[in-house]
ModelCIF file with pLDDT and N, C-alpha, C, O atoms, coordinates in Angstrom:
data_MODEL
#
_entry.id   MODEL 
#
_entity.id                         1 
_entity.type                       polymer 
_entity.pdbx_number_of_molecules   1 
#
_entity_poly.entity_id                      1 
_entity_poly.type                           'polypeptide(L)' 
_entity_poly.nstd_linkage                   no 
_entity_poly.nstd_monomer                   no 
_entity_poly.pdbx_seq_one_letter_code       LPLAWVHSGAPRLFTAPWQDVAAQALGQGV 
_entity_poly.pdbx_seq_one_letter_code_can   LPLAWVHSGAPRLFTAPWQDVAAQALGQGV 
_entity_poly.pdbx_strand_id                 A 
#
loop_
_entity_poly_seq.entity_id 
_entity_poly_seq.num 
_entity_poly_seq.mon_id 
_entity_poly_seq.hetero 
1 1  LEU n 
1 2  PRO n 
1 3  LEU n 
1 4  ALA n 
1 5  TRP n 
1 6  VAL n 
1 7  HIS n 
1 8  SER n 
1 9  GLY n 
1 10 ALA n 
1 11 PRO n 
1 12 ARG n 
1 13 LEU n 
1 14 PHE n 
1 15 THR n 
1 16 ALA n 
1 17 PRO n 
1 18 TRP n 
1 19 GLN n 
1 20 ASP n 
1 21 VAL n 
1 22 ALA n 
1 23 ALA n 
1 24 GLN n 
1 25 ALA n 
1 26 LEU n 
1 27 GLY n 
1 28 GLN n 
1 29 GLY n 
1 30 VAL n 
#
_struct_asym.id          A 
_struct_asym.entity_id   1 
#
loop_
_ma_qa_metric.id 
_ma_qa_metric.mode 
_ma_qa_metric.name 
_ma_qa_metric.software_group_id 
_ma_qa_metric.type 
1 global pLDDT . pLDDT 
2 local  pLDDT . pLDDT 
#
_ma_qa_metric_global.metric_id      1 
_ma_qa_metric_global.metric_value   80.83 
_ma_qa_metric_global.model_id       1 
_ma_qa_metric_global.ordinal_id     1 
#
loop_
_ma_qa_metric_local.label_asym_id 
_ma_qa_metric_local.label_comp_id 
_ma_qa_metric_local.label_seq_id 
_ma_qa_metric_local.metric_id 
_ma_qa_metric_local.metric_value 
_ma_qa_metric_local.model_id 
_ma_qa_metric_local.ordinal_id 
A LEU 1  2 82.00 1 1  
A PRO 2  2 83.00 1 2  
A LEU 3  2 78.00 1 3  
A ALA 4  2 69.00 1 4  
A TRP 5  2 70.00 1 5  
A VAL 6  2 63.00 1 6  
A HIS 7  2 67.00 1 7  
A SER 8  2 67.00 1 8  
A GLY 9  2 66.00 1 9  
A ALA 10 2 67.00 1 10 
A PRO 11 2 74.00 1 11 
A ARG 12 2 80.00 1 12 
A LEU 13 2 81.00 1 13 
A PHE 14 2 80.00 1 14 
A THR 15 2 82.00 1 15 
A ALA 16 2 84.00 1 16 
A PRO 17 2 86.00 1 17 
A TRP 18 2 85.00 1 18 
A GLN 19 2 88.00 1 19 
A ASP 20 2 87.00 1 20 
A VAL 21 2 89.00 1 21 
A ALA 22 2 89.00 1 22 
A ALA 23 2 89.00 1 23 
A GLN 24 2 89.00 1 24 
A ALA 25 2 90.00 1 25 
A LEU 26 2 88.00 1 26 
A GLY 27 2 87.00 1 27 
A GLN 28 2 89.00 1 28 
A GLY 29 2 88.00 1 29 
A VAL 30 2 88.00 1 30 
#
loop_
_atom_site.group_PDB 
_atom_site.id 
_atom_site.type_symbol 
_atom_site.label_atom_id 
_atom_site.label_alt_id 
_atom_site.label_comp_id 
_atom_site.label_asym_id 
_atom_site.label_entity_id 
_atom_site.label_seq_id 
_atom_site.pdbx_PDB_ins_code 
_atom_site.Cartn_x 
_atom_site.Cartn_y 
_atom_site.Cartn_z 
_atom_site.occupancy 
_atom_site.B_iso_or_equiv 
_atom_site.pdbx_formal_charge 
_atom_site.auth_seq_id 
_atom_site.auth_comp_id 
_atom_site.auth_asym_id 
_atom_site.auth_atom_id 
_atom_site.pdbx_PDB_model_num 
ATOM 1   N N  . LEU A 1 1  ? 74.061 -17.344 -64.612 1.00 82.00 ? 1  LEU A N  1 
ATOM 2   C CA . LEU A 1 1  ? 72.612 -18.205 -63.930 1.00 82.00 ? 1  LEU A CA 1 
ATOM 3   C C  . LEU A 1 1  ? 72.226 -18.895 -64.545 1.00 82.00 ? 1  LEU A C  1 
ATOM 4   O O  . LEU A 1 1  ? 71.685 -19.883 -64.049 1.00 82.00 ? 1  LEU A O  1 
ATOM 5   N N  . PRO A 1 2  ? 72.323 -18.688 -66.369 1.00 83.00 ? 2  PRO A N  1 
ATOM 6   C CA . PRO A 1 2  ? 71.983 -19.936 -66.721 1.00 83.00 ? 2  PRO A CA 1 
ATOM 7   C C  . PRO A 1 2  ? 72.718 -21.238 -66.923 1.00 83.00 ? 2  PRO A C  1 
ATOM 8   O O  . PRO A 1 2  ? 72.136 -22.212 -67.400 1.00 83.00 ? 2  PRO A O  1 
ATOM 9   N N  . LEU A 1 3  ? 74.035 -21.273 -66.557 1.00 78.00 ? 3  LEU A N  1 
ATOM 10  C CA . LEU A 1 3  ? 74.988 -22.307 -66.450 1.00 78.00 ? 3  LEU A CA 1 
ATOM 11  C C  . LEU A 1 3  ? 74.546 -23.106 -65.198 1.00 78.00 ? 3  LEU A C  1 
ATOM 12  O O  . LEU A 1 3  ? 74.308 -24.303 -65.039 1.00 78.00 ? 3  LEU A O  1 
ATOM 13  N N  . ALA A 1 4  ? 74.521 -22.198 -64.488 1.00 69.00 ? 4  ALA A N  1 
ATOM 14  C CA . ALA A 1 4  ? 73.936 -22.682 -63.124 1.00 69.00 ? 4  ALA A CA 1 
ATOM 15  C C  . ALA A 1 4  ? 72.625 -23.599 -63.080 1.00 69.00 ? 4  ALA A C  1 
ATOM 16  O O  . ALA A 1 4  ? 72.671 -24.689 -62.511 1.00 69.00 ? 4  ALA A O  1 
ATOM 17  N N  . TRP A 1 5  ? 71.530 -23.168 -63.652 1.00 70.00 ? 5  TRP A N  1 
ATOM 18  C CA . TRP A 1 5  ? 70.106 -23.708 -63.565 1.00 70.00 ? 5  TRP A CA 1 
ATOM 19  C C  . TRP A 1 5  ? 70.645 -24.322 -64.361 1.00 70.00 ? 5  TRP A C  1 
ATOM 20  O O  . TRP A 1 5  ? 70.827 -24.852 -63.265 1.00 70.00 ? 5  TRP A O  1 
ATOM 21  N N  . VAL A 1 6  ? 71.236 -24.970 -65.336 1.00 63.00 ? 6  VAL A N  1 
ATOM 22  C CA . VAL A 1 6  ? 71.288 -26.125 -66.178 1.00 63.00 ? 6  VAL A CA 1 
ATOM 23  C C  . VAL A 1 6  ? 71.624 -27.093 -65.400 1.00 63.00 ? 6  VAL A C  1 
ATOM 24  O O  . VAL A 1 6  ? 71.076 -28.192 -65.319 1.00 63.00 ? 6  VAL A O  1 
ATOM 25  N N  . HIS A 1 7  ? 73.129 -26.444 -64.425 1.00 67.00 ? 7  HIS A N  1 
ATOM 26  C CA . HIS A 1 7  ? 74.032 -27.738 -64.387 1.00 67.00 ? 7  HIS A CA 1 
ATOM 27  C C  . HIS A 1 7  ? 72.866 -28.789 -63.118 1.00 67.00 ? 7  HIS A C  1 
ATOM 28  O O  . HIS A 1 7  ? 72.688 -30.005 -63.193 1.00 67.00 ? 7  HIS A O  1 
ATOM 29  N N  . SER A 1 8  ? 72.034 -27.512 -61.698 1.00 67.00 ? 8  SER A N  1 
ATOM 30  C CA . SER A 1 8  ? 71.778 -28.077 -60.762 1.00 67.00 ? 8  SER A CA 1 
ATOM 31  C C  . SER A 1 8  ? 70.452 -27.574 -60.654 1.00 67.00 ? 8  SER A C  1 
ATOM 32  O O  . SER A 1 8  ? 69.952 -27.405 -59.542 1.00 67.00 ? 8  SER A O  1 
ATOM 33  N N  . GLY A 1 9  ? 69.829 -27.316 -61.710 1.00 66.00 ? 9  GLY A N  1 
ATOM 34  C CA . GLY A 1 9  ? 68.069 -26.318 -61.358 1.00 66.00 ? 9  GLY A CA 1 
ATOM 35  C C  . GLY A 1 9  ? 68.216 -24.935 -60.836 1.00 66.00 ? 9  GLY A C  1 
ATOM 36  O O  . GLY A 1 9  ? 69.083 -24.076 -60.675 1.00 66.00 ? 9  GLY A O  1 
ATOM 37  N N  . ALA A 1 10 ? 66.603 -25.191 -60.598 1.00 67.00 ? 10 ALA A N  1 
ATOM 38  C CA . ALA A 1 10 ? 66.597 -23.682 -60.353 1.00 67.00 ? 10 ALA A CA 1 
ATOM 39  C C  . ALA A 1 10 ? 66.921 -22.947 -58.786 1.00 67.00 ? 10 ALA A C  1 
ATOM 40  O O  . ALA A 1 10 ? 66.626 -23.646 -57.817 1.00 67.00 ? 10 ALA A O  1 
ATOM 41  N N  . PRO A 1 11 ? 67.311 -22.040 -58.608 1.00 74.00 ? 11 PRO A N  1 
ATOM 42  C CA . PRO A 1 11 ? 68.333 -21.376 -57.289 1.00 74.00 ? 11 PRO A CA 1 
ATOM 43  C C  . PRO A 1 11 ? 67.251 -21.776 -56.363 1.00 74.00 ? 11 PRO A C  1 
ATOM 44  O O  . PRO A 1 11 ? 66.023 -21.683 -56.349 1.00 74.00 ? 11 PRO A O  1 
ATOM 45  N N  . ARG A 1 12 ? 68.427 -22.389 -55.383 1.00 80.00 ? 12 ARG A N  1 
ATOM 46  C CA . ARG A 1 12 ? 67.529 -22.882 -53.809 1.00 80.00 ? 12 ARG A CA 1 
ATOM 47  C C  . ARG A 1 12 ? 67.337 -21.893 -53.047 1.00 80.00 ? 12 ARG A C  1 
ATOM 48  O O  . ARG A 1 12 ? 66.749 -22.052 -51.977 1.00 80.00 ? 12 ARG A O  1 
ATOM 49  N N  . LEU A 1 13 ? 67.647 -21.074 -53.316 1.00 81.00 ? 13 LEU A N  1 
ATOM 50  C CA . LEU A 1 13 ? 66.636 -19.563 -53.398 1.00 81.00 ? 13 LEU A CA 1 
ATOM 51  C C  . LEU A 1 13 ? 65.354 -19.545 -52.546 1.00 81.00 ? 13 LEU A C  1 
ATOM 52  O O  . LEU A 1 13 ? 64.961 -19.045 -51.492 1.00 81.00 ? 13 LEU A O  1 
ATOM 53  N N  . PHE A 1 14 ? 64.762 -20.582 -53.826 1.00 80.00 ? 14 PHE A N  1 
ATOM 54  C CA . PHE A 1 14 ? 63.319 -20.163 -54.314 1.00 80.00 ? 14 PHE A CA 1 
ATOM 55  C C  . PHE A 1 14 ? 62.508 -21.734 -53.134 1.00 80.00 ? 14 PHE A C  1 
ATOM 56  O O  . PHE A 1 14 ? 61.355 -22.105 -52.917 1.00 80.00 ? 14 PHE A O  1 
ATOM 57  N N  . THR A 1 15 ? 63.117 -21.944 -52.930 1.00 82.00 ? 15 THR A N  1 
ATOM 58  C CA . THR A 1 15 ? 63.389 -23.980 -52.343 1.00 82.00 ? 15 THR A CA 1 
ATOM 59  C C  . THR A 1 15 ? 63.368 -23.959 -50.615 1.00 82.00 ? 15 THR A C  1 
ATOM 60  O O  . THR A 1 15 ? 62.753 -24.563 -49.736 1.00 82.00 ? 15 THR A O  1 
ATOM 61  N N  . ALA A 1 16 ? 64.546 -22.761 -50.688 1.00 84.00 ? 16 ALA A N  1 
ATOM 62  C CA . ALA A 1 16 ? 65.126 -23.042 -49.649 1.00 84.00 ? 16 ALA A CA 1 
ATOM 63  C C  . ALA A 1 16 ? 63.804 -22.224 -48.001 1.00 84.00 ? 16 ALA A C  1 
ATOM 64  O O  . ALA A 1 16 ? 62.859 -21.441 -48.098 1.00 84.00 ? 16 ALA A O  1 
ATOM 65  N N  . PRO A 1 17 ? 64.402 -22.902 -46.761 1.00 86.00 ? 17 PRO A N  1 
ATOM 66  C CA . PRO A 1 17 ? 63.140 -22.243 -45.644 1.00 86.00 ? 17 PRO A CA 1 
ATOM 67  C C  . PRO A 1 17 ? 63.159 -21.390 -45.783 1.00 86.00 ? 17 PRO A C  1 
ATOM 68  O O  . PRO A 1 17 ? 64.010 -21.130 -46.632 1.00 86.00 ? 17 PRO A O  1 
ATOM 69  N N  . TRP A 1 18 ? 62.623 -20.481 -45.399 1.00 85.00 ? 18 TRP A N  1 
ATOM 70  C CA . TRP A 1 18 ? 62.722 -18.602 -45.357 1.00 85.00 ? 18 TRP A CA 1 
ATOM 71  C C  . TRP A 1 18 ? 63.311 -18.598 -44.442 1.00 85.00 ? 18 TRP A C  1 
ATOM 72  O O  . TRP A 1 18 ? 64.446 -18.234 -44.748 1.00 85.00 ? 18 TRP A O  1 
ATOM 73  N N  . GLN A 1 19 ? 63.206 -18.889 -42.913 1.00 88.00 ? 19 GLN A N  1 
ATOM 74  C CA . GLN A 1 19 ? 64.210 -18.581 -41.988 1.00 88.00 ? 19 GLN A CA 1 
ATOM 75  C C  . GLN A 1 19 ? 65.781 -18.455 -42.472 1.00 88.00 ? 19 GLN A C  1 
ATOM 76  O O  . GLN A 1 19 ? 66.632 -17.597 -42.234 1.00 88.00 ? 19 GLN A O  1 
ATOM 77  N N  . ASP A 1 20 ? 65.814 -19.861 -43.376 1.00 87.00 ? 20 ASP A N  1 
ATOM 78  C CA . ASP A 1 20 ? 67.582 -19.719 -44.073 1.00 87.00 ? 20 ASP A CA 1 
ATOM 79  C C  . ASP A 1 20 ? 68.374 -18.800 -44.957 1.00 87.00 ? 20 ASP A C  1 
ATOM 80  O O  . ASP A 1 20 ? 69.560 -18.482 -45.047 1.00 87.00 ? 20 ASP A O  1 
ATOM 81  N N  . VAL A 1 21 ? 66.754 -18.360 -45.852 1.00 89.00 ? 21 VAL A N  1 
ATOM 82  C CA . VAL A 1 21 ? 67.152 -17.355 -46.701 1.00 89.00 ? 21 VAL A CA 1 
ATOM 83  C C  . VAL A 1 21 ? 67.282 -16.070 -45.988 1.00 89.00 ? 21 VAL A C  1 
ATOM 84  O O  . VAL A 1 21 ? 68.133 -15.297 -46.427 1.00 89.00 ? 21 VAL A O  1 
ATOM 85  N N  . ALA A 1 22 ? 66.672 -15.753 -45.090 1.00 89.00 ? 22 ALA A N  1 
ATOM 86  C CA . ALA A 1 22 ? 66.384 -14.722 -43.864 1.00 89.00 ? 22 ALA A CA 1 
ATOM 87  C C  . ALA A 1 22 ? 67.539 -14.294 -43.379 1.00 89.00 ? 22 ALA A C  1 
ATOM 88  O O  . ALA A 1 22 ? 68.160 -13.241 -43.521 1.00 89.00 ? 22 ALA A O  1 
ATOM 89  N N  . ALA A 1 23 ? 67.800 -15.596 -42.586 1.00 89.00 ? 23 ALA A N  1 
ATOM 90  C CA . ALA A 1 23 ? 69.233 -15.001 -42.115 1.00 89.00 ? 23 ALA A CA 1 
ATOM 91  C C  . ALA A 1 23 ? 70.332 -15.085 -42.897 1.00 89.00 ? 23 ALA A C  1 
ATOM 92  O O  . ALA A 1 23 ? 71.296 -14.417 -42.523 1.00 89.00 ? 23 ALA A O  1 
ATOM 93  N N  . GLN A 1 24 ? 70.471 -15.863 -44.093 1.00 89.00 ? 24 GLN A N  1 
ATOM 94  C CA . GLN A 1 24 ? 71.511 -14.941 -45.045 1.00 89.00 ? 24 GLN A CA 1 
ATOM 95  C C  . GLN A 1 24 ? 72.045 -14.029 -45.711 1.00 89.00 ? 24 GLN A C  1 
ATOM 96  O O  . GLN A 1 24 ? 73.185 -13.826 -46.129 1.00 89.00 ? 24 GLN A O  1 
ATOM 97  N N  . ALA A 1 25 ? 70.740 -13.311 -45.780 1.00 90.00 ? 25 ALA A N  1 
ATOM 98  C CA . ALA A 1 25 ? 70.198 -11.956 -46.121 1.00 90.00 ? 25 ALA A CA 1 
ATOM 99  C C  . ALA A 1 25 ? 70.491 -11.024 -45.479 1.00 90.00 ? 25 ALA A C  1 
ATOM 100 O O  . ALA A 1 25 ? 70.795 -10.026 -46.133 1.00 90.00 ? 25 ALA A O  1 
ATOM 101 N N  . LEU A 1 26 ? 70.532 -10.924 -44.130 1.00 88.00 ? 26 LEU A N  1 
ATOM 102 C CA . LEU A 1 26 ? 71.092 -10.187 -43.249 1.00 88.00 ? 26 LEU A CA 1 
ATOM 103 C C  . LEU A 1 26 ? 72.251 -10.765 -42.500 1.00 88.00 ? 26 LEU A C  1 
ATOM 104 O O  . LEU A 1 26 ? 72.170 -10.585 -41.285 1.00 88.00 ? 26 LEU A O  1 
ATOM 105 N N  . GLY A 1 27 ? 73.244 -11.374 -42.890 1.00 87.00 ? 27 GLY A N  1 
ATOM 106 C CA . GLY A 1 27 ? 74.283 -11.843 -42.434 1.00 87.00 ? 27 GLY A CA 1 
ATOM 107 C C  . GLY A 1 27 ? 75.413 -11.382 -43.565 1.00 87.00 ? 27 GLY A C  1 
ATOM 108 O O  . GLY A 1 27 ? 76.432 -10.738 -43.315 1.00 87.00 ? 27 GLY A O  1 
ATOM 109 N N  . GLN A 1 28 ? 74.966 -11.895 -44.945 1.00 89.00 ? 28 GLN A N  1 
ATOM 110 C CA . GLN A 1 28 ? 75.820 -11.848 -45.728 1.00 89.00 ? 28 GLN A CA 1 
ATOM 111 C C  . GLN A 1 28 ? 75.866 -10.278 -46.850 1.00 89.00 ? 28 GLN A C  1 
ATOM 112 O O  . GLN A 1 28 ? 76.869 -9.706  -47.277 1.00 89.00 ? 28 GLN A O  1 
ATOM 113 N N  . GLY A 1 29 ? 74.385 -9.921  -47.077 1.00 88.00 ? 29 GLY A N  1 
ATOM 114 C CA . GLY A 1 29 ? 74.082 -8.599  -47.522 1.00 88.00 ? 29 GLY A CA 1 
ATOM 115 C C  . GLY A 1 29 ? 74.120 -7.409  -46.667 1.00 88.00 ? 29 GLY A C  1 
ATOM 116 O O  . GLY A 1 29 ? 74.656 -6.347  -46.984 1.00 88.00 ? 29 GLY A O  1 
ATOM 117 N N  . VAL A 1 30 ? 73.548 -7.639  -45.621 1.00 88.00 ? 30 VAL A N  1 
ATOM 118 C CA . VAL A 1 30 ? 73.300 -6.495  -44.590 1.00 88.00 ? 30 VAL A CA 1 
ATOM 119 C C  . VAL A 1 30 ? 74.623 -6.551  -43.370 1.00 88.00 ? 30 VAL A C  1 
ATOM 120 O O  . VAL A 1 30 ? 74.645 -5.739  -42.445 1.00 88.00 ? 30 VAL A O  1 
#
């Protein structure tokens, strides 16, 4: 996480549309 944060900024999970995050959470995690 720290290396990625320095290289490309904060995770896109915090800025991406919630619909995209929800769909990926359902598909990837569940």
